[in-house]
Protein backbone atom coordinates (compact mmCIF):
# COMPACT_ATOMS: atom_id res chain seq x y z
CA VAL A 1 4.29 -1.67 5.98
CA ARG A 2 7.59 -1.32 4.15
CA ASP A 3 7.03 -4.64 2.33
CA PHE A 4 3.58 -3.49 1.22
CA VAL A 5 4.92 -0.14 -0.02
CA ASP A 6 7.78 -1.82 -1.91
CA LEU A 7 5.43 -4.26 -3.66
CA ALA A 8 2.82 -1.60 -4.46
CA PHE A 9 5.31 0.80 -6.00
CA GLN A 10 7.04 -2.02 -7.91
CA GLU A 11 3.70 -2.93 -9.45
CA ALA A 12 3.46 0.69 -10.65
CA GLY A 13 7.01 0.52 -12.05
CA ILE A 14 8.66 2.55 -9.28
CA HIS A 15 11.49 1.29 -7.11
CA ILE A 16 11.74 2.69 -3.59
CA GLU A 17 14.97 3.33 -1.70
CA TRP A 18 14.59 3.66 2.08
CA GLU A 19 16.57 5.94 4.36
CA GLY A 20 16.28 6.99 7.99
CA LYS A 21 14.64 5.13 10.84
CA GLY A 22 11.44 5.36 12.86
CA GLU A 23 9.59 8.65 12.43
CA ASN A 24 12.40 9.92 10.17
CA GLU A 25 12.15 7.07 7.66
CA LYS A 26 11.47 8.13 4.08
CA GLY A 27 10.98 6.23 0.85
CA LYS A 28 12.49 7.83 -2.25
CA ASP A 29 12.09 7.00 -5.91
CA LYS A 30 15.46 5.41 -6.78
CA GLU A 31 15.42 7.01 -10.21
CA SER A 32 14.42 10.61 -9.42
CA GLY A 33 15.27 10.88 -5.71
CA GLU A 34 11.78 12.30 -5.07
CA ILE A 35 10.40 11.51 -1.60
CA LEU A 36 7.24 9.45 -2.12
CA VAL A 37 6.69 7.98 1.36
CA GLU A 38 7.03 9.64 4.76
CA VAL A 39 6.01 8.55 8.23
CA ASP A 40 3.12 10.55 9.67
CA PRO A 41 2.99 10.22 13.48
CA ARG A 42 -0.70 11.24 13.45
CA TYR A 43 -1.50 7.70 12.35
CA PHE A 44 0.36 5.95 15.18
CA ARG A 45 -1.85 4.08 17.60
CA PRO A 46 -1.65 5.32 21.21
CA THR A 47 -0.32 1.94 22.35
CA GLU A 48 1.72 1.08 19.25
CA VAL A 49 3.61 -2.20 19.36
CA ASP A 50 6.70 -3.05 17.33
CA LEU A 51 5.44 -6.31 15.87
CA LEU A 52 2.00 -7.75 15.19
CA ILE A 53 1.75 -11.26 13.78
CA GLY A 54 -1.51 -12.88 12.74
CA ASP A 55 -2.04 -16.60 13.24
CA ALA A 56 -4.66 -18.39 11.14
CA SER A 57 -4.02 -21.83 12.67
CA LYS A 58 -7.25 -21.73 14.72
CA ALA A 59 -9.32 -20.98 11.60
CA LYS A 60 -7.53 -23.76 9.74
CA LYS A 61 -8.07 -26.25 12.55
CA ASN A 62 -11.67 -25.40 13.49
CA LEU A 63 -13.07 -24.31 10.13
CA GLY A 64 -10.87 -26.05 7.61
CA TRP A 65 -10.06 -22.63 6.19
CA GLU A 66 -7.20 -22.24 3.73
CA HIS A 67 -5.99 -18.98 2.25
CA THR A 68 -6.33 -18.60 -1.49
CA TYR A 69 -4.50 -15.30 -1.88
CA GLY A 70 -0.89 -14.61 -1.11
CA PHE A 71 0.32 -11.20 0.03
CA GLU A 72 2.00 -10.34 -3.29
CA LYS A 73 -1.07 -11.29 -5.32
CA LEU A 74 -3.28 -9.17 -3.06
CA VAL A 75 -1.03 -6.10 -3.36
CA LYS A 76 -0.83 -6.46 -7.16
CA GLU A 77 -4.61 -6.69 -7.45
CA MET A 78 -5.09 -3.65 -5.20
CA VAL A 79 -2.63 -1.53 -7.21
CA ARG A 80 -4.06 -2.59 -10.56
CA ALA A 81 -7.59 -1.74 -9.37
CA ASP A 82 -6.42 1.71 -8.23
CA LEU A 83 -4.62 2.36 -11.52
CA GLU A 84 -7.76 1.39 -13.45
CA LEU A 85 -9.79 3.75 -11.26
CA PHE A 86 -7.37 6.63 -11.88
CA GLU A 87 -7.44 5.94 -15.62
CA ARG A 88 -11.26 6.02 -15.58
CA ASP A 89 -11.27 9.28 -13.65
CA LYS A 90 -8.83 10.81 -16.12
CA TYR A 91 -11.29 10.17 -18.96
CA LEU A 92 -14.23 11.45 -16.92
CA LEU A 93 -12.40 14.69 -16.17
CA LYS A 94 -11.38 15.03 -19.80
CA GLY A 95 -15.08 14.77 -20.72
CA GLY A 96 -16.01 17.50 -18.24
CA HIS A 97 -17.51 15.19 -15.62
CA LYS A 98 -16.97 15.26 -11.88
CA VAL A 99 -15.05 12.52 -10.07
CA MET A 100 -15.04 11.40 -6.46
CA ASN A 101 -12.40 12.65 -4.02
CA TYR A 102 -10.67 9.49 -2.80
CA ASN A 103 -8.36 11.26 -0.34
CA GLU A 104 -8.90 11.31 3.40
């Protein structure tokens, strides 16, 4: 998760500095010191494990599947799409239109 957060914020021009461990870990904006990421135990799975590793070798062997997207490329595309969405919503609000609530 930390790698994803680092890449996502970097794509938005923000560099995260991590402190603490486990449930007390926080990600702060290196420049401002503002806490931007905190662990929320409500999202832990009841039988949480420390490490999950996917293995695509069976798909490669049986289906001839090959990945076409790397992790960094995927994160960059996700962040750019979100930033475009926020920019669109900004203009809709400015024009007096309603926008969707994307929060949980």
